[in-house]
Amino acid sequence: MPPAGDPPEDFPWLDETEFVRFPPPEASNSDGILAFGGNLSPGMLLSAYKQGIFPWFSDGDPILWWCPDPRFVIQPDRLHVSRSLRRTLRSGRYHCTFDTSFADVISQCARVERRGQDGTWITDDMADAYLRLHELGFAHSCETWEGDLLVGGAYGVSLGRVFFGESMFSVASDASKVALVTIVRTLEQRGFGLIDSQVRTNHVASMGGIDIPRDEFLVRLAEGLSHDTIRGDWSLLLDVAAPSDQ
């Protein structure tokens, strides 16, 4: 997993108990790319997240590992909910669950057409990798339902008291925003002080997402990782109801 040169072909497959040290964050280039190569094994992915690093690459490209500066985050106590979104939350149109349809959420996220992007970065290998993390109790989804229809959702990885958001989708008005509000408010109640959104998007910025210096992010990440991970099936661990408008 070198910062330059050809990636090794024989990089070992790491289980969730194994750890690999990445190059230091300051070795990343101006775009935030830190390294490439390796694999998407559980140990590799969890090692990356613990060091403030995430994978992002297109199908057919080598695995790229990123640690951008600045870092885009949500501070739960500064979540912004617009008046129109408050009305949606208050209407009872939607209800949310955790970890009941992880595979469906990631599949829907992979299908979303995004402005300025050709295809999806959620390749089959990426989807399989996060499904493995979900089965191991580290990756979680929040689903937004309209009746019995899955109309929105989001997924990510949780370590300590930090949630690393990966992607979201919506096929109905405000459905992904309802999922995000549910994630942020539910995790804030359980002591999470940081939700990593990785790189800036207008969608999340409208809800209070902000850029912070990478050094600050890494300090806050270390503090969050000092807590035990809420590992396992969040549909059992978290009491979830339709999010309120408060």
Protein backbone atom coordinates (compact mmCIF):
# COMPACT_ATOMS: atom_id res chain seq x y z
CA MET A 1 0.00 0.00 0.00
CA PRO A 2 2.71 2.49 -1.06
CA PRO A 3 2.27 6.22 -1.61
CA ALA A 4 3.91 5.81 -5.02
CA GLY A 5 4.87 3.02 -7.39
CA ASP A 6 3.07 -0.22 -8.16
CA PRO A 7 0.78 -1.65 -5.45
CA PRO A 8 1.96 -5.00 -4.08
CA GLU A 9 0.14 -7.98 -5.54
CA ASP A 10 0.51 -10.12 -2.43
CA PHE A 11 -0.83 -7.76 0.23
CA PRO A 12 -2.28 -9.98 2.98
CA TRP A 13 -5.99 -10.30 3.69
CA LEU A 14 -6.55 -8.91 7.20
CA ASP A 15 -9.35 -9.91 9.53
CA GLU A 16 -11.03 -7.41 11.85
CA THR A 17 -8.50 -8.00 14.65
CA GLU A 18 -5.45 -7.13 12.52
CA PHE A 19 -4.01 -3.67 11.96
CA VAL A 20 -1.90 -2.04 9.25
CA ARG A 21 -0.15 1.32 9.56
CA PHE A 22 -0.78 3.73 6.69
CA PRO A 23 1.61 6.52 5.68
CA PRO A 24 1.19 9.65 7.83
CA PRO A 25 -1.66 11.98 6.77
CA GLU A 26 0.74 14.77 5.84
CA ALA A 27 2.10 12.52 3.09
CA SER A 28 -1.14 12.94 1.11
CA ASN A 29 -1.10 15.01 -2.06
CA SER A 30 -3.00 18.26 -2.57
CA ASP A 31 -6.16 16.32 -3.50
CA GLY A 32 -6.01 14.26 -0.32
CA ILE A 33 -4.81 10.97 -1.86
CA LEU A 34 -2.52 9.27 0.63
CA ALA A 35 -1.83 5.80 -0.77
CA PHE A 36 -3.04 3.19 -3.21
CA GLY A 37 -3.21 -0.58 -3.44
CA GLY A 38 -3.80 -3.12 -0.71
CA ASN A 39 -7.27 -4.63 -0.47
CA LEU A 40 -10.71 -4.13 1.06
CA SER A 41 -10.38 -6.71 3.81
CA PRO A 42 -12.02 -5.92 7.18
CA GLY A 43 -8.70 -5.28 8.90
CA MET A 44 -7.54 -2.96 6.12
CA LEU A 45 -10.74 -0.91 6.16
CA LEU A 46 -10.96 -0.65 9.94
CA SER A 47 -7.27 0.27 10.16
CA ALA A 48 -7.88 3.04 7.65
CA TYR A 49 -10.87 4.50 9.48
CA LYS A 50 -8.99 4.46 12.78
CA GLN A 51 -6.32 6.63 11.12
CA GLY A 52 -8.77 9.04 9.50
CA ILE A 53 -8.44 7.46 6.05
CA PHE A 54 -11.12 6.17 3.68
CA PRO A 55 -11.21 4.39 0.27
CA TRP A 56 -12.64 6.10 -2.81
CA PHE A 57 -11.99 4.94 -6.36
CA SER A 58 -13.69 4.08 -9.63
CA ASP A 59 -14.24 0.64 -11.10
CA GLY A 60 -11.11 -0.54 -12.89
CA ASP A 61 -8.79 1.78 -10.92
CA PRO A 62 -6.50 0.75 -8.06
CA ILE A 63 -7.85 1.25 -4.54
CA LEU A 64 -7.18 4.86 -3.56
CA TRP A 65 -6.92 5.84 0.10
CA TRP A 66 -7.78 9.42 1.05
CA CYS A 67 -7.13 11.74 3.99
CA PRO A 68 -8.13 15.21 2.76
CA ASP A 69 -7.48 18.54 4.40
CA PRO A 70 -9.87 20.10 5.32
CA ARG A 71 -12.28 17.39 6.47
CA PHE A 72 -16.04 17.74 6.12
CA VAL A 73 -17.96 16.79 9.27
CA ILE A 74 -21.25 17.12 11.09
CA GLN A 75 -21.20 18.16 14.73
CA PRO A 76 -24.40 16.64 16.14
CA ASP A 77 -25.17 19.60 18.39
CA ARG A 78 -25.02 21.92 15.36
CA LEU A 79 -27.35 19.99 13.07
CA HIS A 80 -29.49 22.38 11.02
CA VAL A 81 -33.06 21.34 10.25
CA SER A 82 -34.90 23.66 7.88
CA ARG A 83 -38.53 24.67 8.36
CA SER A 84 -39.63 22.54 5.42
CA LEU A 85 -37.77 19.51 6.78
CA ARG A 86 -39.33 20.10 10.20
CA ARG A 87 -42.72 19.96 8.55
CA THR A 88 -41.80 16.67 6.87
CA LEU A 89 -40.63 15.21 10.17
CA ARG A 90 -43.77 16.40 11.92
CA SER A 91 -46.09 15.01 9.24
CA GLY A 92 -45.42 11.37 10.10
CA ARG A 93 -45.08 10.56 6.40
CA TYR A 94 -41.92 8.58 7.03
CA HIS A 95 -40.56 6.26 9.70
CA CYS A 96 -36.99 5.06 10.14
CA THR A 97 -35.22 1.89 11.17
CA PHE A 98 -31.61 0.83 11.66
CA ASP A 99 -29.95 -2.24 10.15
CA THR A 100 -33.06 -3.86 8.71
CA SER A 101 -32.14 -3.53 5.00
CA PHE A 102 -28.40 -2.81 4.79
CA ALA A 103 -27.91 -4.61 1.46
CA ASP A 104 -30.84 -2.76 -0.11
CA VAL A 105 -29.55 0.61 1.10
CA ILE A 106 -26.06 0.12 -0.30
CA SER A 107 -27.53 -1.19 -3.56
CA GLN A 108 -29.74 1.88 -3.89
CA CYS A 109 -26.82 4.19 -3.09
CA ALA A 110 -24.81 2.56 -5.88
CA ARG A 111 -27.58 3.34 -8.39
CA VAL A 112 -27.85 7.04 -7.57
CA GLU A 113 -26.81 9.31 -10.43
CA ARG A 114 -24.62 12.10 -9.09
CA ARG A 115 -23.97 15.37 -10.86
CA GLY A 116 -20.51 15.49 -12.47
CA GLN A 117 -19.85 11.77 -12.00
CA ASP A 118 -19.94 8.97 -14.54
CA GLY A 119 -20.97 5.67 -13.02
CA THR A 120 -20.58 4.90 -9.32
CA TRP A 121 -17.69 4.60 -6.89
CA ILE A 122 -19.65 1.91 -5.03
CA THR A 123 -18.27 -0.97 -7.06
CA ASP A 124 -19.27 -4.58 -6.48
CA ASP A 125 -16.06 -5.07 -4.49
CA MET A 126 -16.84 -2.03 -2.33
CA ALA A 127 -20.38 -3.21 -1.70
CA ASP A 128 -19.12 -6.66 -0.72
CA ALA A 129 -16.54 -5.12 1.61
CA TYR A 130 -19.11 -3.07 3.51
CA LEU A 131 -21.51 -5.98 3.65
CA ARG A 132 -18.71 -7.90 5.41
CA LEU A 133 -18.26 -5.04 7.86
CA HIS A 134 -22.01 -5.02 8.44
CA GLU A 135 -21.99 -8.75 9.18
CA LEU A 136 -19.15 -8.12 11.63
CA GLY A 137 -21.18 -5.40 13.37
CA PHE A 138 -19.18 -2.33 12.29
CA ALA A 139 -21.20 -1.00 9.33
CA HIS A 140 -24.77 0.19 9.75
CA SER A 141 -27.67 1.52 7.74
CA CYS A 142 -30.56 3.79 8.50
CA GLU A 143 -33.64 3.19 6.38
CA THR A 144 -36.45 5.65 5.62
CA TRP A 145 -39.79 4.03 4.88
CA GLU A 146 -42.99 5.39 3.43
CA GLY A 147 -45.40 2.72 4.49
CA ASP A 148 -43.74 -0.52 3.36
CA LEU A 149 -41.61 1.15 0.68
CA LEU A 150 -37.92 1.87 1.17
CA VAL A 151 -37.62 5.44 -0.11
CA GLY A 152 -34.34 6.64 1.38
CA GLY A 153 -31.44 5.74 3.58
CA ALA A 154 -27.78 6.09 4.45
CA TYR A 155 -24.98 3.81 5.58
CA GLY A 156 -21.57 4.10 7.19
CA VAL A 157 -19.07 2.68 9.64
CA SER A 158 -19.08 3.17 13.41
CA LEU A 159 -16.01 2.96 15.65
CA GLY A 160 -15.90 4.24 19.21
CA ARG A 161 -18.15 7.29 19.29
CA VAL A 162 -17.49 8.33 15.69
CA PHE A 163 -19.72 7.56 12.71
CA PHE A 164 -18.15 7.63 9.26
CA GLY A 165 -20.89 8.36 6.74
CA GLU A 166 -20.37 6.73 3.36
CA SER A 167 -23.38 7.41 1.15
CA MET A 168 -27.11 8.10 1.09
CA PHE A 169 -29.97 7.88 -1.37
CA SER A 170 -33.49 9.19 -1.80
CA VAL A 171 -36.33 8.37 -4.16
CA ALA A 172 -38.86 10.57 -2.35
CA SER A 173 -38.75 14.15 -1.14
CA ASP A 174 -36.55 14.64 1.96
CA ALA A 175 -36.19 10.87 2.54
CA SER A 176 -32.38 10.90 2.78
CA LYS A 177 -32.47 14.00 4.99
CA VAL A 178 -34.88 12.23 7.35
CA ALA A 179 -32.41 9.34 7.57
CA LEU A 180 -29.55 11.74 8.30
CA VAL A 181 -31.52 13.55 11.02
CA THR A 182 -32.35 10.17 12.58
CA ILE A 183 -28.69 9.10 12.55
CA VAL A 184 -27.40 12.37 13.98
CA ARG A 185 -30.00 12.69 16.75
CA THR A 186 -29.91 9.05 17.74
CA LEU A 187 -26.12 8.97 17.96
CA GLU A 188 -25.93 12.30 19.78
CA GLN A 189 -28.09 10.77 22.51
CA ARG A 190 -25.48 8.04 22.84
CA GLY A 191 -22.50 10.34 23.19
CA PHE A 192 -21.29 10.59 19.60
CA GLY A 193 -19.57 13.94 19.10
CA LEU A 194 -18.50 13.61 15.47
CA ILE A 195 -19.94 12.35 12.21
CA ASP A 196 -17.42 12.22 9.37
CA SER A 197 -18.84 13.19 5.98
CA GLN A 198 -15.38 13.05 4.36
CA VAL A 199 -15.71 15.57 1.51
CA ARG A 200 -18.01 18.56 1.13
CA THR A 201 -21.45 18.20 -0.47
CA ASN A 202 -24.09 20.91 -0.74
CA HIS A 203 -26.71 18.47 0.51
CA VAL A 204 -24.98 17.91 3.86
CA ALA A 205 -23.70 21.49 4.08
CA SER A 206 -27.31 22.67 4.04
CA MET A 207 -27.85 20.63 7.21
CA GLY A 208 -24.89 22.04 9.09
CA GLY A 209 -21.92 20.16 7.69
CA ILE A 210 -18.68 22.14 7.99
CA ASP A 211 -15.04 21.88 6.97
CA ILE A 212 -12.50 21.58 9.77
CA PRO A 213 -8.70 21.32 9.56
CA ARG A 214 -7.42 17.77 9.22
CA ASP A 215 -5.32 18.12 12.37
CA GLU A 216 -8.42 19.03 14.36
CA PHE A 217 -10.32 16.14 12.83
CA LEU A 218 -7.59 13.68 13.83
CA VAL A 219 -7.57 14.95 17.42
CA ARG A 220 -11.34 14.60 17.67
CA LEU A 221 -11.17 11.20 16.01
CA ALA A 222 -8.69 9.97 18.61
CA GLU A 223 -10.98 11.16 21.40
CA GLY A 224 -13.96 9.40 19.84
CA LEU A 225 -12.01 6.18 19.41
CA SER A 226 -11.17 6.13 23.12
CA HIS A 227 -14.73 4.88 23.76
CA ASP A 228 -16.07 1.38 23.23
CA THR A 229 -17.66 0.62 19.88
CA ILE A 230 -21.41 -0.06 19.82
CA ARG A 231 -20.97 -3.16 17.73
CA GLY A 232 -23.68 -5.44 16.45
CA ASP A 233 -27.22 -5.10 15.17
CA TRP A 234 -28.38 -1.53 15.75
CA SER A 235 -32.00 -2.51 15.19
CA LEU A 236 -31.73 -4.17 18.60
CA LEU A 237 -29.34 -1.77 20.32
CA LEU A 238 -30.99 1.53 19.41
CA ASP A 239 -34.57 2.56 20.11
CA VAL A 240 -35.66 4.19 16.88
CA ALA A 241 -38.94 5.92 16.18
CA ALA A 242 -39.95 8.47 13.59
CA PRO A 243 -37.66 11.46 14.19
CA SER A 244 -39.32 14.39 15.91
CA ASP A 245 -39.31 17.95 14.67
CA GLN A 246 -37.63 19.32 17.76
